[in-house]
Amino acid sequence: MPKSEKKLSKEFEKKLDLLIKRFNEQKGIIDFYIKREREWKKDKVLHKKEIKSLLKEIKKSNDS
């Protein structure tokens, strides 16, 4: 393989490695936000259930 092809090949490998590294970083960031979003939604559902339960208790105490 001529020197110019080797040089191009090495440059291509470096650029490819950099792109893979950036991709993995971005994937990690996206996975983190997805996890936070799921936790937030789960907490939101739990809070709604608790609010409904408390409202029922208030209604019962007011009716008594």
N, C-alpha and C. Protein backbone atom coordinates (compact mmCIF):
# COMPACT_ATOMS: atom_id res chain seq x y z
N MET A 1 0.85 -1.17 0.00
CA MET A 1 0.00 0.00 0.00
C MET A 1 0.89 1.24 0.00
N PRO A 2 0.66 2.16 -0.91
CA PRO A 2 1.47 3.39 -0.97
C PRO A 2 1.30 4.23 0.30
N LYS A 3 2.29 5.08 0.55
CA LYS A 3 2.27 5.91 1.77
C LYS A 3 1.05 6.81 1.84
N SER A 4 0.64 7.37 0.71
CA SER A 4 -0.50 8.28 0.71
C SER A 4 -1.79 7.55 1.11
N GLU A 5 -1.92 6.30 0.67
CA GLU A 5 -3.10 5.52 1.05
C GLU A 5 -3.07 5.16 2.53
N LYS A 6 -1.89 4.85 3.04
CA LYS A 6 -1.76 4.55 4.47
C LYS A 6 -2.13 5.78 5.30
N LYS A 7 -1.64 6.94 4.85
CA LYS A 7 -1.94 8.18 5.56
C LYS A 7 -3.44 8.46 5.55
N LEU A 8 -4.07 8.30 4.39
CA LEU A 8 -5.51 8.51 4.29
C LEU A 8 -6.27 7.51 5.15
N SER A 9 -5.77 6.29 5.16
CA SER A 9 -6.42 5.25 5.96
C SER A 9 -6.35 5.59 7.45
N LYS A 10 -5.18 6.04 7.91
CA LYS A 10 -5.02 6.41 9.32
C LYS A 10 -5.91 7.60 9.68
N GLU A 11 -5.98 8.60 8.80
CA GLU A 11 -6.84 9.76 9.04
C GLU A 11 -8.30 9.33 9.11
N PHE A 12 -8.67 8.43 8.21
CA PHE A 12 -10.04 7.92 8.21
C PHE A 12 -10.34 7.20 9.52
N GLU A 13 -9.41 6.38 9.98
CA GLU A 13 -9.59 5.66 11.25
C GLU A 13 -9.75 6.64 12.41
N LYS A 14 -8.94 7.68 12.44
CA LYS A 14 -9.03 8.68 13.52
C LYS A 14 -10.39 9.37 13.51
N LYS A 15 -10.83 9.76 12.31
CA LYS A 15 -12.13 10.43 12.20
C LYS A 15 -13.27 9.49 12.59
N LEU A 16 -13.15 8.25 12.19
CA LEU A 16 -14.17 7.26 12.53
C LEU A 16 -14.21 7.03 14.04
N ASP A 17 -13.04 6.91 14.66
CA ASP A 17 -12.99 6.73 16.11
C ASP A 17 -13.60 7.92 16.83
N LEU A 18 -13.32 9.12 16.32
CA LEU A 18 -13.89 10.33 16.93
C LEU A 18 -15.41 10.34 16.81
N LEU A 19 -15.91 9.97 15.64
CA LEU A 19 -17.37 9.91 15.45
C LEU A 19 -18.01 8.88 16.37
N ILE A 20 -17.38 7.74 16.51
CA ILE A 20 -17.92 6.70 17.40
C ILE A 20 -17.93 7.19 18.85
N LYS A 21 -16.85 7.87 19.24
CA LYS A 21 -16.78 8.41 20.60
C LYS A 21 -17.89 9.43 20.83
N ARG A 22 -18.08 10.33 19.88
CA ARG A 22 -19.16 11.34 20.00
C ARG A 22 -20.53 10.68 20.05
N PHE A 23 -20.71 9.65 19.22
CA PHE A 23 -21.98 8.94 19.21
C PHE A 23 -22.25 8.33 20.58
N ASN A 24 -21.25 7.68 21.16
CA ASN A 24 -21.43 7.04 22.47
C ASN A 24 -21.71 8.08 23.56
N GLU A 25 -21.06 9.24 23.48
CA GLU A 25 -21.34 10.31 24.45
C GLU A 25 -22.78 10.79 24.31
N GLN A 26 -23.21 11.04 23.09
CA GLN A 26 -24.57 11.50 22.87
C GLN A 26 -25.59 10.45 23.30
N LYS A 27 -25.29 9.20 23.02
CA LYS A 27 -26.18 8.11 23.41
C LYS A 27 -26.32 8.06 24.93
N GLY A 28 -25.21 8.27 25.63
CA GLY A 28 -25.26 8.29 27.09
C GLY A 28 -26.12 9.42 27.62
N ILE A 29 -26.00 10.59 27.01
CA ILE A 29 -26.79 11.75 27.42
C ILE A 29 -28.27 11.49 27.17
N ILE A 30 -28.58 10.95 26.01
CA ILE A 30 -29.98 10.66 25.66
C ILE A 30 -30.55 9.60 26.59
N ASP A 31 -29.79 8.56 26.87
CA ASP A 31 -30.26 7.51 27.79
C ASP A 31 -30.54 8.09 29.18
N PHE A 32 -29.69 9.02 29.64
CA PHE A 32 -29.88 9.66 30.93
C PHE A 32 -31.20 10.44 30.96
N TYR A 33 -31.47 11.22 29.91
CA TYR A 33 -32.70 12.01 29.87
C TYR A 33 -33.93 11.11 29.76
N ILE A 34 -33.84 10.03 29.03
CA ILE A 34 -34.96 9.09 28.94
C ILE A 34 -35.25 8.49 30.31
N LYS A 35 -34.21 8.12 31.03
CA LYS A 35 -34.38 7.56 32.38
C LYS A 35 -35.05 8.59 33.30
N ARG A 36 -34.58 9.84 33.25
CA ARG A 36 -35.18 10.89 34.09
C ARG A 36 -36.64 11.13 33.72
N GLU A 37 -36.94 11.11 32.43
CA GLU A 37 -38.32 11.33 31.97
C GLU A 37 -39.22 10.22 32.48
N ARG A 38 -38.76 8.97 32.41
CA ARG A 38 -39.56 7.84 32.90
C ARG A 38 -39.80 7.94 34.40
N GLU A 39 -38.76 8.32 35.15
CA GLU A 39 -38.92 8.48 36.60
C GLU A 39 -39.91 9.60 36.90
N TRP A 40 -39.82 10.70 36.15
CA TRP A 40 -40.73 11.81 36.37
C TRP A 40 -42.16 11.40 36.11
N LYS A 41 -42.40 10.66 35.04
CA LYS A 41 -43.76 10.21 34.72
C LYS A 41 -44.28 9.26 35.79
N LYS A 42 -43.42 8.37 36.29
CA LYS A 42 -43.83 7.44 37.33
C LYS A 42 -44.21 8.21 38.60
N ASP A 43 -43.38 9.19 38.97
CA ASP A 43 -43.67 10.01 40.14
C ASP A 43 -44.97 10.79 39.95
N LYS A 44 -45.19 11.28 38.75
CA LYS A 44 -46.40 12.04 38.46
C LYS A 44 -47.64 11.17 38.66
N VAL A 45 -47.60 9.93 38.21
CA VAL A 45 -48.72 9.01 38.37
C VAL A 45 -48.95 8.72 39.85
N LEU A 46 -47.86 8.48 40.58
CA LEU A 46 -47.99 8.21 42.02
C LEU A 46 -48.58 9.42 42.75
N HIS A 47 -48.15 10.61 42.39
CA HIS A 47 -48.68 11.82 43.03
C HIS A 47 -50.16 12.01 42.72
N LYS A 48 -50.57 11.71 41.49
CA LYS A 48 -51.99 11.82 41.14
C LYS A 48 -52.83 10.86 41.97
N LYS A 49 -52.33 9.63 42.14
CA LYS A 49 -53.05 8.64 42.94
C LYS A 49 -53.17 9.11 44.39
N GLU A 50 -52.09 9.65 44.92
CA GLU A 50 -52.12 10.13 46.30
C GLU A 50 -53.08 11.30 46.45
N ILE A 51 -53.10 12.20 45.49
CA ILE A 51 -54.01 13.35 45.54
C ILE A 51 -55.45 12.88 45.50
N LYS A 52 -55.76 11.92 44.63
CA LYS A 52 -57.13 11.39 44.58
C LYS A 52 -57.52 10.77 45.91
N SER A 53 -56.59 10.02 46.51
CA SER A 53 -56.87 9.39 47.79
C SER A 53 -57.13 10.44 48.87
N LEU A 54 -56.31 11.47 48.90
CA LEU A 54 -56.49 12.54 49.89
C LEU A 54 -57.79 13.29 49.67
N LEU A 55 -58.15 13.53 48.41
CA LEU A 55 -59.41 14.20 48.13
C LEU A 55 -60.60 13.36 48.59
N LYS A 56 -60.52 12.05 48.42
CA LYS A 56 -61.58 11.17 48.92
C LYS A 56 -61.69 11.25 50.43
N GLU A 57 -60.54 11.26 51.11
CA GLU A 57 -60.55 11.37 52.58
C GLU A 57 -61.16 12.70 53.02
N ILE A 58 -60.82 13.77 52.35
CA ILE A 58 -61.37 15.08 52.67
C ILE A 58 -62.89 15.08 52.47
N LYS A 59 -63.31 14.51 51.39
CA LYS A 59 -64.74 14.45 51.09
C LYS A 59 -65.47 13.65 52.18
N LYS A 60 -64.88 12.51 52.57
CA LYS A 60 -65.51 11.69 53.62
C LYS A 60 -65.59 12.45 54.93
N SER A 61 -64.52 13.16 55.28
CA SER A 61 -64.53 13.89 56.54
C SER A 61 -65.50 15.06 56.52
N ASN A 62 -65.68 15.68 55.36
CA ASN A 62 -66.62 16.78 55.22
C ASN A 62 -68.06 16.29 55.27
N ASP A 63 -68.31 15.09 54.73
CA ASP A 63 -69.65 14.51 54.71
C ASP A 63 -70.08 14.02 56.10
N SER A 64 -69.11 13.71 56.93
CA SER A 64 -69.45 13.18 58.27
C SER A 64 -69.91 14.22 59.22
